[in-house]
Structure formats: C-alpha cells, structure tokens
Amino acid sequence: MLDGLAARLAAERGSERAKSEGPAFLELGRAAVKSGSLHDQIEADMKFHGFLNELSGNPLIGETTAPHWPYLRRVMGEVLRDDVQMPQTILQEHVAILDAVIAGDGALAETLSRKHISRAANIFIQRLQAQHDASEEQLRQRRTRIIQR
C-alpha cells in the first residue's frame, strides 16, 4: 500500500524532479543488472524506491517503511535468486513506474507500483512454500527410514 501511495504522490508532487533525477536511478539499476551482482541489484532497487518515497513529499512513508528495509532486502534476494530474467523484469517495471511519475499520472504510477510489489511478494511466498514443502518431504523420508529400521 505504501509503495503505491508513494508512487502516486511522487507523480502528483515530484514529476519535474523525477524527470531530471530519475534516469540516474534507472542507470544504477541497469549497471547492477549488467554486473550480475545480487548485492548491487538489491541496492539499486532500494535506492529507486527510496527516491519515490522522497519524491512523495510525505516523510511518514519513509519513516514507516524504514524498519522493514532489512527484511525487504532478504525478500529481494530471494526474488532475484535463480531467475536470470527477474533483474531485467524488475528494471522494466521501474522504468514504467518512473515514466508514469514523470507523466504526472498518479493513478497509473500507483497501479504499477502495487503490481510490482505484489508480484515480488507472490514469488517470495511461492519460494518459501517450496522450501517448506521440501523440508517436510525430507522429514517424512527420515521418519520412514527410522520406522523401517
């Protein structure tokens, strides 16, 4: 919700600044994708979202989300793991969000931002579920071996 709100407010209040400063955040993202560095990709992602929070003009958004950033870094690491297309997908989504902000289209910026976050959350949940299922299967197999002895 807060990322969507930040994007909407950024479009309403900071489109000119987004136009002049935003491309640098996209270039940071492009360089991170090109490098293949997971750390750099996460940093570029965090800086992009921090920029939108700043553009929103609402300091409460950044203050509210700040305690969650360490956990969001872990989520991003999991989302980016083992998927060679995901870094490029994330970058393309950032481009679309920034374009909407620059155009001053708050509704579109909010929608794109919410979809961006929801997609990442769904990937994270699917991967956690897969890890949980694999652990449960390993536990079942151990129990079966113990019973068979």
C-alpha atoms as a PDB file:
ATOM      1  CA  MET A   1       0.000   0.000   0.000  1.00  0.00           C
ATOM      2  CA  LEU A   2       2.708   2.447   0.973  1.00  0.00           C
ATOM      3  CA  ASP A   3       4.748   1.946  -2.197  1.00  0.00           C
ATOM      4  CA  GLY A   4       1.635   2.603  -4.252  1.00  0.00           C
ATOM      5  CA  LEU A   5       0.865   5.712  -2.234  1.00  0.00           C
ATOM      6  CA  ALA A   6       4.453   6.928  -2.575  1.00  0.00           C
ATOM      7  CA  ALA A   7       4.333   6.464  -6.354  1.00  0.00           C
ATOM      8  CA  ARG A   8       1.007   8.287  -6.612  1.00  0.00           C
ATOM      9  CA  LEU A   9       2.215  11.208  -4.520  1.00  0.00           C
ATOM     10  CA  ALA A  10       5.528  11.291  -6.386  1.00  0.00           C
ATOM     11  CA  ALA A  11       3.609  11.692  -9.647  1.00  0.00           C
ATOM     12  CA  GLU A  12       1.430  14.407  -8.161  1.00  0.00           C
ATOM     13  CA  ARG A  13       4.217  16.325  -6.435  1.00  0.00           C
ATOM     14  CA  GLY A  14       7.548  15.443  -7.973  1.00  0.00           C
ATOM     15  CA  SER A  15       7.218  14.802 -11.690  1.00  0.00           C
ATOM     16  CA  GLU A  16       9.737  17.502 -12.668  1.00  0.00           C
ATOM     17  CA  ARG A  17      12.324  16.237 -10.208  1.00  0.00           C
ATOM     18  CA  ALA A  18      11.604  12.668 -11.326  1.00  0.00           C
ATOM     19  CA  LYS A  19      12.323  13.731 -14.901  1.00  0.00           C
ATOM     20  CA  SER A  20      15.658  15.303 -14.010  1.00  0.00           C
ATOM     21  CA  GLU A  21      16.914  12.899 -11.327  1.00  0.00           C
ATOM     22  CA  GLY A  22      15.063   9.655 -12.012  1.00  0.00           C
ATOM     23  CA  PRO A  23      17.091   8.460 -15.008  1.00  0.00           C
ATOM     24  CA  ALA A  24      20.175   8.202 -12.775  1.00  0.00           C
ATOM     25  CA  PHE A  25      18.349   5.648 -10.615  1.00  0.00           C
ATOM     26  CA  LEU A  26      17.448   3.646 -13.711  1.00  0.00           C
ATOM     27  CA  GLU A  27      21.079   3.760 -14.871  1.00  0.00           C
ATOM     28  CA  LEU A  28      22.132   2.459 -11.461  1.00  0.00           C
ATOM     29  CA  GLY A  29      19.666  -0.391 -11.971  1.00  0.00           C
ATOM     30  CA  ARG A  30      20.936  -1.115 -15.478  1.00  0.00           C
ATOM     31  CA  ALA A  31      24.532  -1.226 -14.254  1.00  0.00           C
ATOM     32  CA  ALA A  32      23.520  -3.565 -11.422  1.00  0.00           C
ATOM     33  CA  VAL A  33      21.701  -5.905 -13.816  1.00  0.00           C
ATOM     34  CA  LYS A  34      24.675  -5.891 -16.181  1.00  0.00           C
ATOM     35  CA  SER A  35      27.097  -6.650 -13.348  1.00  0.00           C
ATOM     36  CA  GLY A  36      25.083  -9.658 -12.228  1.00  0.00           C
ATOM     37  CA  SER A  37      25.774  -8.683  -8.627  1.00  0.00           C
ATOM     38  CA  LEU A  38      22.842  -9.577  -6.396  1.00  0.00           C
ATOM     39  CA  HIS A  39      24.034  -7.033  -3.829  1.00  0.00           C
ATOM     40  CA  ASP A  40      24.158  -4.242  -6.417  1.00  0.00           C
ATOM     41  CA  GLN A  41      20.722  -5.167  -7.757  1.00  0.00           C
ATOM     42  CA  ILE A  42      19.202  -5.027  -4.279  1.00  0.00           C
ATOM     43  CA  GLU A  43      20.905  -1.700  -3.567  1.00  0.00           C
ATOM     44  CA  ALA A  44      19.670  -0.213  -6.853  1.00  0.00           C
ATOM     45  CA  ASP A  45      16.142  -1.408  -6.089  1.00  0.00           C
ATOM     46  CA  MET A  46      16.196   0.085  -2.609  1.00  0.00           C
ATOM     47  CA  LYS A  47      17.536   3.397  -3.894  1.00  0.00           C
ATOM     48  CA  PHE A  48      14.836   3.583  -6.566  1.00  0.00           C
ATOM     49  CA  HIS A  49      12.065   3.021  -4.034  1.00  0.00           C
ATOM     50  CA  GLY A  50      13.716   5.414  -1.592  1.00  0.00           C
ATOM     51  CA  PHE A  51      13.738   8.040  -4.322  1.00  0.00           C
ATOM     52  CA  LEU A  52       9.998   7.580  -4.879  1.00  0.00           C
ATOM     53  CA  ASN A  53       9.405   7.845  -1.137  1.00  0.00           C
ATOM     54  CA  GLU A  54      11.374  11.085  -1.094  1.00  0.00           C
ATOM     55  CA  LEU A  55       9.514  12.457  -4.132  1.00  0.00           C
ATOM     56  CA  SER A  56       6.203  11.739  -2.423  1.00  0.00           C
ATOM     57  CA  GLY A  57       6.834  14.629  -0.079  1.00  0.00           C
ATOM     58  CA  ASN A  58       5.414  12.575   2.773  1.00  0.00           C
ATOM     59  CA  PRO A  59       8.166  11.772   5.293  1.00  0.00           C
ATOM     60  CA  LEU A  60       5.876   9.398   7.160  1.00  0.00           C
ATOM     61  CA  ILE A  61       6.055   6.908   4.292  1.00  0.00           C
ATOM     62  CA  GLY A  62       9.823   6.593   4.631  1.00  0.00           C
ATOM     63  CA  GLU A  63       9.662   6.543   8.432  1.00  0.00           C
ATOM     64  CA  THR A  64       7.006   3.832   8.383  1.00  0.00           C
ATOM     65  CA  THR A  65       8.822   1.629   5.893  1.00  0.00           C
ATOM     66  CA  ALA A  66      12.369   2.123   7.261  1.00  0.00           C
ATOM     67  CA  PRO A  67      12.182  -0.665   9.884  1.00  0.00           C
ATOM     68  CA  HIS A  68      11.128  -3.104   7.159  1.00  0.00           C
ATOM     69  CA  TRP A  69      14.017  -2.468   4.736  1.00  0.00           C
ATOM     70  CA  PRO A  70      16.313  -5.176   6.199  1.00  0.00           C
ATOM     71  CA  TYR A  71      13.552  -7.753   5.647  1.00  0.00           C
ATOM     72  CA  LEU A  72      12.759  -6.402   2.205  1.00  0.00           C
ATOM     73  CA  ARG A  73      16.402  -6.891   1.247  1.00  0.00           C
ATOM     74  CA  ARG A  74      16.024 -10.563   2.110  1.00  0.00           C
ATOM     75  CA  VAL A  75      12.825 -10.749   0.079  1.00  0.00           C
ATOM     76  CA  MET A  76      14.560  -9.150  -2.922  1.00  0.00           C
ATOM     77  CA  GLY A  77      17.436 -11.598  -2.613  1.00  0.00           C
ATOM     78  CA  GLU A  78      15.010 -14.496  -2.753  1.00  0.00           C
ATOM     79  CA  VAL A  79      13.024 -12.996  -5.640  1.00  0.00           C
ATOM     80  CA  LEU A  80      16.187 -12.436  -7.682  1.00  0.00           C
ATOM     81  CA  ARG A  81      17.704 -15.833  -6.866  1.00  0.00           C
ATOM     82  CA  ASP A  82      17.826 -18.447  -9.608  1.00  0.00           C
ATOM     83  CA  ASP A  83      15.906 -16.391 -12.170  1.00  0.00           C
ATOM     84  CA  VAL A  84      18.033 -14.805 -14.870  1.00  0.00           C
ATOM     85  CA  GLN A  85      15.078 -12.810 -16.258  1.00  0.00           C
ATOM     86  CA  MET A  86      13.916 -11.311 -12.955  1.00  0.00           C
ATOM     87  CA  PRO A  87      16.517  -8.500 -12.697  1.00  0.00           C
ATOM     88  CA  GLN A  88      15.556  -7.278 -16.170  1.00  0.00           C
ATOM     89  CA  THR A  89      11.845  -7.584 -15.344  1.00  0.00           C
ATOM     90  CA  ILE A  90      12.285  -5.507 -12.201  1.00  0.00           C
ATOM     91  CA  LEU A  91      14.217  -2.886 -14.134  1.00  0.00           C
ATOM     92  CA  GLN A  92      11.482  -2.703 -16.790  1.00  0.00           C
ATOM     93  CA  GLU A  93       8.889  -2.250 -14.069  1.00  0.00           C
ATOM     94  CA  HIS A  94      10.937   0.577 -12.542  1.00  0.00           C
ATOM     95  CA  VAL A  95      11.127   2.234 -15.966  1.00  0.00           C
ATOM     96  CA  ALA A  96       7.330   2.051 -16.330  1.00  0.00           C
ATOM     97  CA  ILE A  97       6.738   3.390 -12.804  1.00  0.00           C
ATOM     98  CA  LEU A  98       9.145   6.280 -13.358  1.00  0.00           C
ATOM     99  CA  ASP A  99       7.543   7.065 -16.737  1.00  0.00           C
ATOM    100  CA  ALA A 100       4.154   7.309 -15.026  1.00  0.00           C
ATOM    101  CA  VAL A 101       5.596   9.537 -12.297  1.00  0.00           C
ATOM    102  CA  ILE A 102       7.256  11.807 -14.863  1.00  0.00           C
ATOM    103  CA  ALA A 103       3.963  11.995 -16.790  1.00  0.00           C
ATOM    104  CA  GLY A 104       2.222  13.045 -13.579  1.00  0.00           C
ATOM    105  CA  ASP A 105      -0.146  10.062 -13.826  1.00  0.00           C
ATOM    106  CA  GLY A 106      -0.644   9.228 -10.161  1.00  0.00           C
ATOM    107  CA  ALA A 107      -3.233   6.529 -10.742  1.00  0.00           C
ATOM    108  CA  LEU A 108      -1.012   4.648 -13.189  1.00  0.00           C
ATOM    109  CA  ALA A 109       2.092   5.083 -11.020  1.00  0.00           C
ATOM    110  CA  GLU A 110       0.201   3.670  -8.039  1.00  0.00           C
ATOM    111  CA  THR A 111      -1.197   0.734 -10.018  1.00  0.00           C
ATOM    112  CA  LEU A 112       2.190  -0.163 -11.497  1.00  0.00           C
ATOM    113  CA  SER A 113       3.903   0.120  -8.140  1.00  0.00           C
ATOM    114  CA  ARG A 114       1.354  -2.086  -6.416  1.00  0.00           C
ATOM    115  CA  LYS A 115       1.623  -4.709  -9.158  1.00  0.00           C
ATOM    116  CA  HIS A 116       5.423  -4.546  -8.901  1.00  0.00           C
ATOM    117  CA  ILE A 117       5.376  -5.188  -5.163  1.00  0.00           C
ATOM    118  CA  SER A 118       2.589  -7.788  -5.309  1.00  0.00           C
ATOM    119  CA  ARG A 119       4.390  -9.801  -7.979  1.00  0.00           C
ATOM    120  CA  ALA A 120       7.579  -9.847  -5.926  1.00  0.00           C
ATOM    121  CA  ALA A 121       5.631 -10.835  -2.800  1.00  0.00           C
ATOM    122  CA  ASN A 122       3.922 -13.683  -4.648  1.00  0.00           C
ATOM    123  CA  ILE A 123       7.247 -15.002  -5.931  1.00  0.00           C
ATOM    124  CA  PHE A 124       8.679 -14.833  -2.414  1.00  0.00           C
ATOM    125  CA  ILE A 125       5.692 -16.708  -0.953  1.00  0.00           C
ATOM    126  CA  GLN A 126       5.896 -19.394  -3.656  1.00  0.00           C
ATOM    127  CA  ARG A 127       9.593 -19.923  -2.974  1.00  0.00           C
ATOM    128  CA  LEU A 128       9.044 -20.105   0.787  1.00  0.00           C
ATOM    129  CA  GLN A 129       6.277 -22.627   0.259  1.00  0.00           C
ATOM    130  CA  ALA A 130       8.505 -24.725  -1.995  1.00  0.00           C
ATOM    131  CA  GLN A 131      11.269 -24.680   0.626  1.00  0.00           C
ATOM    132  CA  HIS A 132       8.789 -25.630   3.331  1.00  0.00           C
ATOM    133  CA  ASP A 133       7.396 -28.475   1.216  1.00  0.00           C
ATOM    134  CA  ALA A 134      10.912 -29.777   0.506  1.00  0.00           C
ATOM    135  CA  SER A 135      11.744 -29.696   4.226  1.00  0.00           C
ATOM    136  CA  GLU A 136       8.546 -31.516   5.089  1.00  0.00           C
ATOM    137  CA  GLU A 137       9.336 -34.179   2.487  1.00  0.00           C
ATOM    138  CA  GLN A 138      12.834 -34.651   3.887  1.00  0.00           C
ATOM    139  CA  LEU A 139      11.380 -35.016   7.381  1.00  0.00           C
ATOM    140  CA  ARG A 140       8.855 -37.610   6.143  1.00  0.00           C
ATOM    141  CA  GLN A 141      11.631 -39.570   4.445  1.00  0.00           C
ATOM    142  CA  ARG A 142      13.729 -39.579   7.633  1.00  0.00           C
ATOM    143  CA  ARG A 143      10.789 -40.773   9.697  1.00  0.00           C
ATOM    144  CA  THR A 144      10.099 -43.546   7.179  1.00  0.00           C
ATOM    145  CA  ARG A 145      13.729 -44.698   7.325  1.00  0.00           C
ATOM    146  CA  ILE A 146      13.684 -44.714  11.132  1.00  0.00           C
ATOM    147  CA  ILE A 147      10.446 -46.711  11.241  1.00  0.00           C
ATOM    148  CA  GLN A 148      11.803 -49.194   8.695  1.00  0.00           C
ATOM    149  CA  ARG A 149      14.892 -49.884  10.787  1.00  0.00           C
END
